[in-house]
C-alpha cells in the first residue's frame, strides 16, 4: 500500500501573552516598554510575576513523525492538552507547523469542530451545499448525495430550518454526514462525535468502517478507548506534544492505561456541554473505585470494586432504573445490573422525588479475572430512555489486592465462587 500521509519532524509553537491588552494604546505602550527593558505599564500591583511569563513559547507539538498507509485507520489518543487537536488542524491545513514537513496524497475531509463552515442563518439544505463546497465537492456531487446526506443526518423534518435553531446533536449529525459522504481519500475525525447520542455514534463508527473498507484512510481521535480498539488497526499515544508509544491499537491503549497516562476510572460530563439525560434525569458522574481506596484504572484482582453513579432527578418519577452493562475487551456483555435489583426494594412502584442521588453496585473481590473491562451506563423509566453512555469507563483488573483471587491464571473473564456437591455413587 502506498503512503498517503507522511509527517516528518513536525513541531508547533505558540507564543503566549504577546498582545491582547484590550486597546491599541495598551499594546503599543507594552511594546515600547519591552524595547526599553521596562516593566509593563499596564500591569496592576502584584502582577509582576505573571509578566515574566509573557512572551514564552508553548510547544503544542515537538518533533512528531509518522506515516499512514492507504486504507489504514489510525487512532490518536492522549490526555487533554497532549497536542491531538493541534496535529489534526495541521494535517487539515487549518494552521501551519512551526517546523517540519507534511506530505499528503489525496483529498481530505475534516471534522474538527461542530458546525465548522456552517452559516447559522442558512437552512440545513443550504449549509449542505456550503459545507460541501468548502470540503471540495462540486454542485453535481452534492446534488447526487443530497438525499443520502439528509437521511444519514436524520434531519428530514428540519432541512429547511435555519441551523441556528438546531441542537448541538443536530449540528453534529449534519456536519458528519456531509464530511463522510464526500468520499474523501482521507477522513479526519476529532472527538466531536461525543456530542451525538449512542445510536448516532454507532452509525458514525459504521460509516468510518465503510470508508476504510473502500480503500480510504481514516484518522480518528477519541477518548473512547473501546471505540479506538474496535475501529483502528494502529494507534499512537501523544503526551506533551510527543509520540511516546505506537503500535497496534490494543497495545497502545494498554500503554495509555498502565503507564498512568490515562485518567482515573471515572466519567464526568464536560461542564460546558449539556449533561446526558432529559427533563427527568441527568447523569452527573460515574466512578469505579476499589474498596481499598484505589481510583484505578488498575485494580487488584483480590480487591472489591464499587461502581457508583451520581445523577440528578428533576421531577418526581416512578419506576426509575439506573444500571450498567459490564463489557469484556471485545464488547461482549458479561452481565447487566440495575439498582432495581437491590435488596432495598427499589421496585417499579417507588416514586423518587427531585434531588441528587447516588446508586452504588459492589463487585466482590476475586470475581473478575485479569483483563480489561468497560462499563456502559444507562437509565430508563417505563417507556422512556433517560440517558445511555456507551463505554463510559474503562478499567483493568491486575494481579494483587488483599485477598488472592481464586481464578488467577485460569481462562475466562470471571471466576465466581460456585457451589459444588461431591458424592460417591458406588
Protein backbone atom coordinates (compact mmCIF):
# COMPACT_ATOMS: atom_id res chain seq x y z
CA UNK A 1 0.00 0.00 0.00
CA UNK A 2 1.22 3.49 -0.81
CA UNK A 3 1.84 6.16 1.82
CA UNK A 4 -0.85 8.86 1.81
CA UNK A 5 0.29 10.87 4.86
CA UNK A 6 3.93 11.49 5.76
CA UNK A 7 4.75 13.66 8.79
CA UNK A 8 8.44 14.41 9.35
CA UNK A 9 9.76 16.15 12.48
CA UNK A 10 6.74 18.44 12.83
CA UNK A 11 6.69 20.92 15.73
CA UNK A 12 4.23 23.67 16.58
CA UNK A 13 4.90 26.54 18.97
CA UNK A 14 2.53 29.20 20.26
CA UNK A 15 3.74 32.44 21.77
CA UNK A 16 1.91 33.29 24.98
CA UNK A 17 0.71 36.71 26.05
CA UNK A 18 2.34 38.94 23.44
CA UNK A 19 -0.68 41.04 22.58
CA UNK A 20 -4.22 41.48 23.73
CA UNK A 21 -4.15 44.48 26.05
CA UNK A 22 -7.67 45.34 25.02
CA UNK A 23 -6.79 48.54 23.14
CA UNK A 24 -4.19 49.56 20.57
CA UNK A 25 -2.81 52.11 23.03
CA UNK A 26 -2.21 49.41 25.68
CA UNK A 27 -0.47 47.12 23.21
CA UNK A 28 1.79 49.93 21.89
CA UNK A 29 2.76 51.05 25.40
CA UNK A 30 3.58 47.45 26.34
CA UNK A 31 5.71 47.03 23.21
CA UNK A 32 7.56 50.33 23.85
CA UNK A 33 8.28 49.34 27.46
CA UNK A 34 9.66 45.96 26.33
CA UNK A 35 12.06 47.66 23.89
CA UNK A 36 13.45 49.80 26.74
CA UNK A 37 13.63 46.86 29.16
CA UNK A 38 10.97 48.41 31.40
CA UNK A 39 8.06 46.79 33.21
CA UNK A 40 4.68 46.59 31.51
CA UNK A 41 2.93 49.88 32.38
CA UNK A 42 -0.48 48.21 32.12
CA UNK A 43 0.19 45.77 34.97
CA UNK A 44 -1.52 46.14 38.31
CA UNK A 45 0.33 45.78 41.59
CA UNK A 46 1.17 42.12 42.23
CA UNK A 47 1.14 41.07 38.57
CA UNK A 48 4.91 41.37 38.01
CA UNK A 49 5.40 37.61 38.30
CA UNK A 50 2.83 36.98 35.58
CA UNK A 51 4.65 39.46 33.35
CA UNK A 52 7.78 37.33 33.38
CA UNK A 53 5.83 34.63 31.57
CA UNK A 54 4.66 36.98 28.83
CA UNK A 55 6.14 36.00 25.50
CA UNK A 56 7.07 32.46 26.50
CA UNK A 57 6.67 29.76 23.87
CA UNK A 58 4.41 26.77 24.38
CA UNK A 59 5.27 23.76 22.21
CA UNK A 60 2.00 22.02 21.41
CA UNK A 61 3.87 19.52 19.20
CA UNK A 62 7.51 18.55 19.50
CA UNK A 63 9.29 16.66 16.70
CA UNK A 64 6.39 14.39 15.66
CA UNK A 65 6.97 11.90 12.84
CA UNK A 66 4.77 9.11 11.44
CA UNK A 67 3.39 7.64 8.22
CA UNK A 68 -0.10 6.43 7.30
CA UNK A 69 -0.71 3.94 4.50
CA UNK A 70 -3.70 3.97 2.17
CA UNK A 71 -6.73 2.26 3.72
CA UNK A 72 -5.40 2.33 7.29
CA UNK A 73 -7.49 3.50 10.25
CA UNK A 74 -5.14 5.25 12.67
CA UNK A 75 -6.15 6.11 16.23
CA UNK A 76 -4.59 9.07 18.03
CA UNK A 77 -5.00 9.11 21.81
CA UNK A 78 -3.71 11.11 24.76
CA UNK A 79 -4.84 13.25 27.64
CA UNK A 80 -6.38 16.69 27.14
CA UNK A 81 -3.67 19.12 26.08
CA UNK A 82 -1.41 16.41 24.63
CA UNK A 83 -1.49 18.01 21.15
CA UNK A 84 -4.03 15.82 19.35
CA UNK A 85 -6.26 18.59 18.01
CA UNK A 86 -3.26 20.72 17.05
CA UNK A 87 -1.90 17.85 14.97
CA UNK A 88 -5.24 17.36 13.20
CA UNK A 89 -5.50 21.09 12.45
CA UNK A 90 -2.06 21.00 10.84
CA UNK A 91 -2.99 17.94 8.78
CA UNK A 92 -6.24 19.68 7.75
CA UNK A 93 -4.26 22.81 6.79
CA UNK A 94 -6.17 24.94 9.29
CA UNK A 95 -2.82 26.06 10.71
CA UNK A 96 0.82 25.61 9.69
CA UNK A 97 3.64 23.91 11.60
CA UNK A 98 6.48 25.92 13.12
CA UNK A 99 8.95 23.41 11.69
CA UNK A 100 8.90 20.09 9.89
CA UNK A 101 7.31 18.79 6.73
CA UNK A 102 3.97 17.19 5.84
CA UNK A 103 3.15 15.36 2.62
CA UNK A 104 -0.46 14.40 1.88
CA UNK A 105 -1.72 12.48 -1.12
CA UNK A 106 -5.44 12.77 -1.76
CA UNK A 107 -8.48 14.84 -0.84
CA UNK A 108 -9.08 15.41 2.88
CA UNK A 109 -12.40 15.77 4.70
CA UNK A 110 -12.00 17.04 8.26
CA UNK A 111 -14.49 17.08 11.10
CA UNK A 112 -12.75 19.04 13.85
CA UNK A 113 -15.42 21.20 15.48
CA UNK A 114 -19.20 21.11 15.50
CA UNK A 115 -20.66 23.28 12.75
CA UNK A 116 -17.37 24.43 11.24
CA UNK A 117 -18.19 26.14 7.96
CA UNK A 118 -21.90 26.50 8.73
CA UNK A 119 -23.80 29.75 8.36
CA UNK A 120 -26.34 29.90 11.22
CA UNK A 121 -28.79 31.99 9.19
CA UNK A 122 -28.93 29.45 6.34
CA UNK A 123 -31.08 26.33 6.28
CA UNK A 124 -29.78 22.82 6.68
CA UNK A 125 -30.08 22.19 2.94
CA UNK A 126 -28.25 25.40 2.06
CA UNK A 127 -25.50 24.57 4.52
CA UNK A 128 -25.03 21.15 2.92
CA UNK A 129 -24.13 22.91 -0.32
CA UNK A 130 -21.98 25.48 1.51
CA UNK A 131 -20.14 22.96 3.66
CA UNK A 132 -19.75 20.55 0.77
CA UNK A 133 -18.15 23.29 -1.34
CA UNK A 134 -15.74 24.12 1.49
CA UNK A 135 -14.77 20.45 1.67
CA UNK A 136 -14.12 20.33 -2.08
CA UNK A 137 -17.33 18.89 -3.54
CA UNK A 138 -18.86 20.37 -6.69
CA UNK A 139 -22.59 21.03 -7.08
CA UNK A 140 -23.19 17.89 -9.10
CA UNK A 141 -21.61 15.71 -6.37
CA UNK A 142 -23.65 17.43 -3.67
CA UNK A 143 -26.93 17.03 -5.58
CA UNK A 144 -26.12 13.35 -6.18
CA UNK A 145 -25.52 12.77 -2.45
CA UNK A 146 -28.11 15.22 -1.06
CA UNK A 147 -30.87 12.75 -0.16
CA UNK A 148 -28.36 10.30 1.32
CA UNK A 149 -26.78 13.04 3.46
CA UNK A 150 -30.17 14.23 4.76
CA UNK A 151 -31.26 10.67 5.58
CA UNK A 152 -27.99 9.88 7.37
CA UNK A 153 -28.20 13.10 9.42
CA UNK A 154 -31.85 12.34 10.32
CA UNK A 155 -32.96 15.94 9.73
CA UNK A 156 -35.65 15.36 7.10
CA UNK A 157 -38.22 17.44 9.00
CA UNK A 158 -35.80 20.30 9.64
CA UNK A 159 -33.84 20.50 6.39
CA UNK A 160 -35.48 23.85 5.51
CA UNK A 161 -35.00 25.29 9.02
CA UNK A 162 -32.10 27.71 9.77
CA UNK A 163 -29.35 25.77 11.54
CA UNK A 164 -29.18 28.39 14.31
CA UNK A 165 -32.23 26.58 15.71
CA UNK A 166 -30.52 23.18 15.62
CA UNK A 167 -29.29 21.46 18.76
CA UNK A 168 -25.59 20.59 19.02
CA UNK A 169 -26.50 16.98 18.22
CA UNK A 170 -28.28 18.01 15.00
CA UNK A 171 -25.28 20.16 14.05
CA UNK A 172 -23.05 17.15 14.62
CA UNK A 173 -25.16 14.76 12.57
CA UNK A 174 -25.32 17.16 9.64
CA UNK A 175 -21.60 18.04 9.74
CA UNK A 176 -20.52 14.40 9.89
CA UNK A 177 -22.95 13.38 7.15
CA UNK A 178 -21.52 15.95 4.73
CA UNK A 179 -17.88 15.10 5.54
CA UNK A 180 -18.39 11.32 5.34
CA UNK A 181 -20.38 11.37 2.08
CA UNK A 182 -17.97 13.47 0.04
CA UNK A 183 -15.96 10.24 -0.48
CA UNK A 184 -12.59 11.66 0.57
CA UNK A 185 -9.33 9.76 0.24
CA UNK A 186 -8.60 10.79 3.85
CA UNK A 187 -11.21 11.34 6.59
CA UNK A 188 -10.08 13.10 9.79
CA UNK A 189 -12.45 12.94 12.78
CA UNK A 190 -11.86 14.58 16.16
CA UNK A 191 -13.60 13.85 19.49
CA UNK A 192 -16.67 15.82 18.33
CA UNK A 193 -18.54 12.51 17.93
CA UNK A 194 -19.07 12.67 21.70
CA UNK A 195 -21.81 15.23 21.01
CA UNK A 196 -24.02 12.63 19.33
CA UNK A 197 -26.22 10.09 21.05
CA UNK A 198 -25.35 6.40 21.35
CA UNK A 199 -27.18 5.30 18.20
CA UNK A 200 -25.61 8.05 16.11
CA UNK A 201 -22.13 7.20 17.41
CA UNK A 202 -22.67 3.60 16.28
CA UNK A 203 -23.77 4.86 12.87
CA UNK A 204 -20.69 7.11 12.59
CA UNK A 205 -18.31 4.30 13.51
CA UNK A 206 -20.03 2.05 10.98
CA UNK A 207 -19.64 4.73 8.31
CA UNK A 208 -15.94 5.14 9.11
CA UNK A 209 -15.52 1.38 8.79
CA UNK A 210 -17.22 1.52 5.38
CA UNK A 211 -14.87 4.34 4.34
CA UNK A 212 -11.79 2.30 5.33
CA UNK A 213 -13.08 -0.84 3.57
CA UNK A 214 -13.33 1.23 0.40
CA UNK A 215 -9.55 1.74 0.49
CA UNK A 216 -9.66 5.21 2.03
CA UNK A 217 -7.79 6.37 5.11
CA UNK A 218 -9.23 7.45 8.48
CA UNK A 219 -7.55 9.34 11.33
CA UNK A 220 -9.62 9.08 14.48
CA UNK A 221 -9.08 10.97 17.76
CA UNK A 222 -11.16 9.83 20.72
CA UNK A 223 -11.15 9.32 24.49
CA UNK A 224 -13.35 6.27 23.95
CA UNK A 225 -10.70 3.55 24.19
CA UNK A 226 -13.14 0.78 23.25
CA UNK A 227 -14.02 2.61 20.02
CA UNK A 228 -10.30 3.04 19.27
CA UNK A 229 -9.57 -0.68 19.68
CA UNK A 230 -12.69 -1.68 17.73
CA UNK A 231 -12.19 0.69 14.79
CA UNK A 232 -8.43 1.21 14.42
CA UNK A 233 -5.71 -1.18 13.32
CA UNK A 234 -2.87 1.06 14.54
CA UNK A 235 -2.57 3.91 17.02
CA UNK A 236 -0.09 6.17 18.71
CA UNK A 237 -0.07 7.91 22.08
CA UNK A 238 0.68 11.63 22.38
CA UNK A 239 1.96 13.08 25.64
CA UNK A 240 3.01 16.74 25.95
CA UNK A 241 3.33 17.09 22.20
CA UNK A 242 5.48 13.99 21.59
CA UNK A 243 4.69 10.44 20.49
CA UNK A 244 5.53 8.18 23.43
CA UNK A 245 4.05 4.89 22.17
CA UNK A 246 2.98 3.44 18.85
CA UNK A 247 1.85 0.06 17.56
CA UNK A 248 -1.40 -1.89 17.39
CA UNK A 249 -4.45 -0.11 18.78
CA UNK A 250 -4.80 -2.59 21.63
CA UNK A 251 -1.16 -2.34 22.73
CA UNK A 252 -1.20 1.48 22.69
CA UNK A 253 -4.46 1.63 24.68
CA UNK A 254 -2.94 -0.73 27.25
CA UNK A 255 0.14 1.50 27.44
CA UNK A 256 -2.11 4.54 27.91
CA UNK A 257 -3.80 2.99 30.92
CA UNK A 258 -0.95 1.05 32.52
CA UNK A 259 1.60 3.88 32.46
CA UNK A 260 -0.72 6.21 34.33
CA UNK A 261 -1.26 8.47 31.32
CA UNK A 262 -4.95 7.61 31.40
CA UNK A 263 -7.32 9.30 33.80
CA UNK A 264 -8.74 7.59 36.87
CA UNK A 265 -11.59 5.18 36.23
CA UNK A 266 -14.27 7.85 36.10
CA UNK A 267 -16.61 9.59 33.68
CA UNK A 268 -17.58 13.20 34.37
CA UNK A 269 -19.53 15.03 31.64
CA UNK A 270 -17.99 18.16 30.17
CA UNK A 271 -19.42 21.08 32.19
CA UNK A 272 -19.54 23.17 29.01
CA UNK A 273 -21.97 20.70 27.45
CA UNK A 274 -25.48 19.69 28.42
CA UNK A 275 -25.21 16.61 30.69
CA UNK A 276 -26.52 13.27 29.40
CA UNK A 277 -30.21 12.93 30.20
CA UNK A 278 -33.57 14.53 29.64
CA UNK A 279 -36.03 16.68 31.55
CA UNK A 280 -36.49 13.88 34.11
CA UNK A 281 -32.98 12.61 34.96
CA UNK A 282 -29.45 13.78 34.13
CA UNK A 283 -26.18 11.96 34.76
CA UNK A 284 -23.59 13.73 36.94
CA UNK A 285 -20.76 11.17 37.16
CA UNK A 286 -19.73 7.52 37.06
CA UNK A 287 -16.81 6.24 39.11
CA UNK A 288 -15.18 2.87 39.57
CA UNK A 289 -13.21 2.69 42.82
CA UNK A 290 -11.56 -0.10 44.77
CA UNK A 291 -12.77 -0.96 48.25
CA UNK A 292 -9.16 -0.32 49.35
CA UNK A 293 -9.41 3.29 48.13
CA UNK A 294 -7.68 2.89 44.75
CA UNK A 295 -9.11 5.03 41.95
CA UNK A 296 -7.85 2.98 39.03
CA UNK A 297 -7.68 2.48 36.21
CA UNK A 298 -5.87 -0.60 37.62
CA UNK A 299 -7.46 -2.69 40.41
CA UNK A 300 -6.01 -5.73 42.12
CA UNK A 301 -7.94 -8.94 41.46
CA UNK A 302 -8.14 -9.54 45.21
CA UNK A 303 -9.84 -6.19 45.84
CA UNK A 304 -13.55 -5.46 45.71
CA UNK A 305 -14.79 -2.89 43.20
CA UNK A 306 -17.58 -0.33 43.62
CA UNK A 307 -19.40 1.14 40.62
CA UNK A 308 -21.05 4.40 41.67
CA UNK A 309 -23.47 6.58 39.70
CA UNK A 310 -24.41 10.12 40.74
CA UNK A 311 -27.47 11.52 38.99
CA UNK A 312 -29.98 14.34 39.40
CA UNK A 313 -33.74 13.78 39.38
CA UNK A 314 -35.51 16.90 38.13
CA UNK A 315 -39.11 15.94 38.81
CA UNK A 316 -40.95 13.15 40.67
CA UNK A 317 -40.56 9.90 38.77
CA UNK A 318 -41.96 6.40 39.22
CA UNK A 319 -40.22 3.26 38.04
CA UNK A 320 -36.77 4.83 37.59
CA UNK A 321 -33.96 2.39 36.90
CA UNK A 322 -30.23 3.17 36.78
CA UNK A 323 -27.78 0.47 35.78
CA UNK A 324 -24.90 -0.70 33.64
CA UNK A 325 -23.51 -3.39 31.35
CA UNK A 326 -20.11 -4.79 32.27
CA UNK A 327 -18.29 -5.43 28.99
CA UNK A 328 -15.27 -7.50 28.09
CA UNK A 329 -12.44 -6.24 25.84
CA UNK A 330 -14.31 -7.28 22.68
CA UNK A 331 -17.56 -5.59 23.75
CA UNK A 332 -19.29 -8.78 24.92
CA UNK A 333 -21.72 -8.13 27.79
CA UNK A 334 -20.54 -10.11 30.83
CA UNK A 335 -23.53 -9.15 32.95
CA UNK A 336 -26.21 -6.50 33.34
CA UNK A 337 -27.04 -4.86 36.67
CA UNK A 338 -29.56 -2.23 37.80
CA UNK A 339 -30.37 -0.58 41.12
CA UNK A 340 -33.90 -2.02 40.96
CA UNK A 341 -32.27 -5.40 41.72
CA UNK A 342 -31.16 -4.23 45.18
CA UNK A 343 -32.39 -5.76 48.42
CA UNK A 344 -33.85 -2.40 49.47
CA UNK A 345 -36.82 -2.95 47.16
CA UNK A 346 -36.18 -0.18 44.63
CA UNK A 347 -39.04 -1.58 42.56
CA UNK A 348 -41.17 -0.02 39.87
CA UNK A 349 -43.78 1.17 42.37
CA UNK A 350 -41.49 3.58 44.22
CA UNK A 351 -41.63 7.31 43.42
CA UNK A 352 -38.31 9.14 43.67
CA UNK A 353 -38.51 12.83 44.46
CA UNK A 354 -36.31 15.56 42.90
CA UNK A 355 -32.76 15.71 44.21
CA UNK A 356 -29.24 14.35 43.77
CA UNK A 357 -28.92 10.57 44.22
CA UNK A 358 -26.12 8.03 44.21
CA UNK A 359 -26.50 4.36 43.29
CA UNK A 360 -23.61 2.02 44.03
CA UNK A 361 -23.07 -1.59 42.95
CA UNK A 362 -20.43 -3.73 44.67
CA UNK A 363 -18.46 -6.34 42.72
CA UNK A 364 -16.82 -8.70 45.24
CA UNK A 365 -13.09 -9.37 45.41
CA UNK A 366 -11.93 -12.25 43.24
CA UNK A 367 -14.98 -12.19 40.94
CA UNK A 368 -13.24 -10.64 37.90
CA UNK A 369 -10.21 -12.26 36.34
CA UNK A 370 -7.23 -10.34 34.97
CA UNK A 371 -8.10 -8.22 31.93
CA UNK A 372 -9.73 -5.11 30.52
CA UNK A 373 -13.33 -4.17 31.32
CA UNK A 374 -15.65 -1.35 30.31
CA UNK A 375 -18.92 -0.02 31.64
CA UNK A 376 -21.86 1.22 29.59
CA UNK A 377 -24.31 3.14 31.78
CA UNK A 378 -27.97 3.92 31.28
CA UNK A 379 -31.22 4.93 32.92
CA UNK A 380 -34.82 4.42 31.92
CA UNK A 381 -38.38 4.71 33.12
CA UNK A 382 -41.32 2.76 31.69
CA UNK A 383 -41.47 3.71 28.01
CA UNK A 384 -38.64 6.27 28.13
CA UNK A 385 -34.84 6.23 27.93
CA UNK A 386 -33.29 8.91 30.14
CA UNK A 387 -29.62 8.53 29.20
CA UNK A 388 -27.29 5.95 27.69
CA UNK A 389 -23.49 6.32 27.60
CA UNK A 390 -21.50 3.59 25.88
CA UNK A 391 -18.06 2.71 27.25
CA UNK A 392 -18.27 5.48 29.83
CA UNK A 393 -15.45 3.98 31.95
CA UNK A 394 -12.66 1.53 31.12
CA UNK A 395 -10.58 -0.19 33.82
CA UNK A 396 -8.20 -3.10 34.31
CA UNK A 397 -8.02 -5.95 36.79
CA UNK A 398 -4.40 -6.93 37.53
CA UNK A 399 -2.72 -9.35 39.95
CA UNK A 400 -2.69 -8.18 43.54
CA UNK A 401 -5.04 -6.96 46.22
CA UNK A 402 -5.89 -8.03 49.71
CA UNK A 403 -7.50 -11.44 49.02
CA UNK A 404 -5.90 -13.85 46.49
CA UNK A 405 -8.27 -14.31 43.57
CA UNK A 406 -9.48 -17.89 43.12
CA UNK A 407 -9.33 -17.75 39.35
CA UNK A 408 -5.93 -16.11 38.89
CA UNK A 409 -4.29 -17.75 35.89
CA UNK A 410 -7.42 -19.52 34.67
CA UNK A 411 -9.06 -18.71 31.33
CA UNK A 412 -12.22 -16.62 31.29
CA UNK A 413 -13.23 -13.14 32.33
CA UNK A 414 -14.94 -14.04 35.60
CA UNK A 415 -14.04 -16.54 38.31
CA UNK A 416 -17.16 -16.83 40.51
CA UNK A 417 -17.29 -18.96 43.63
CA UNK A 418 -19.73 -21.71 42.68
CA UNK A 419 -21.29 -24.32 44.90
CA UNK A 420 -20.19 -27.90 44.25
CA UNK A 421 -21.54 -31.17 45.59
CA UNK A 422 -19.36 -34.28 45.51
CA UNK A 423 -20.85 -37.69 46.16
CA UNK A 424 -19.71 -41.30 45.83
CA UNK A 425 -22.12 -43.21 43.55
CA UNK A 426 -20.60 -46.69 44.22
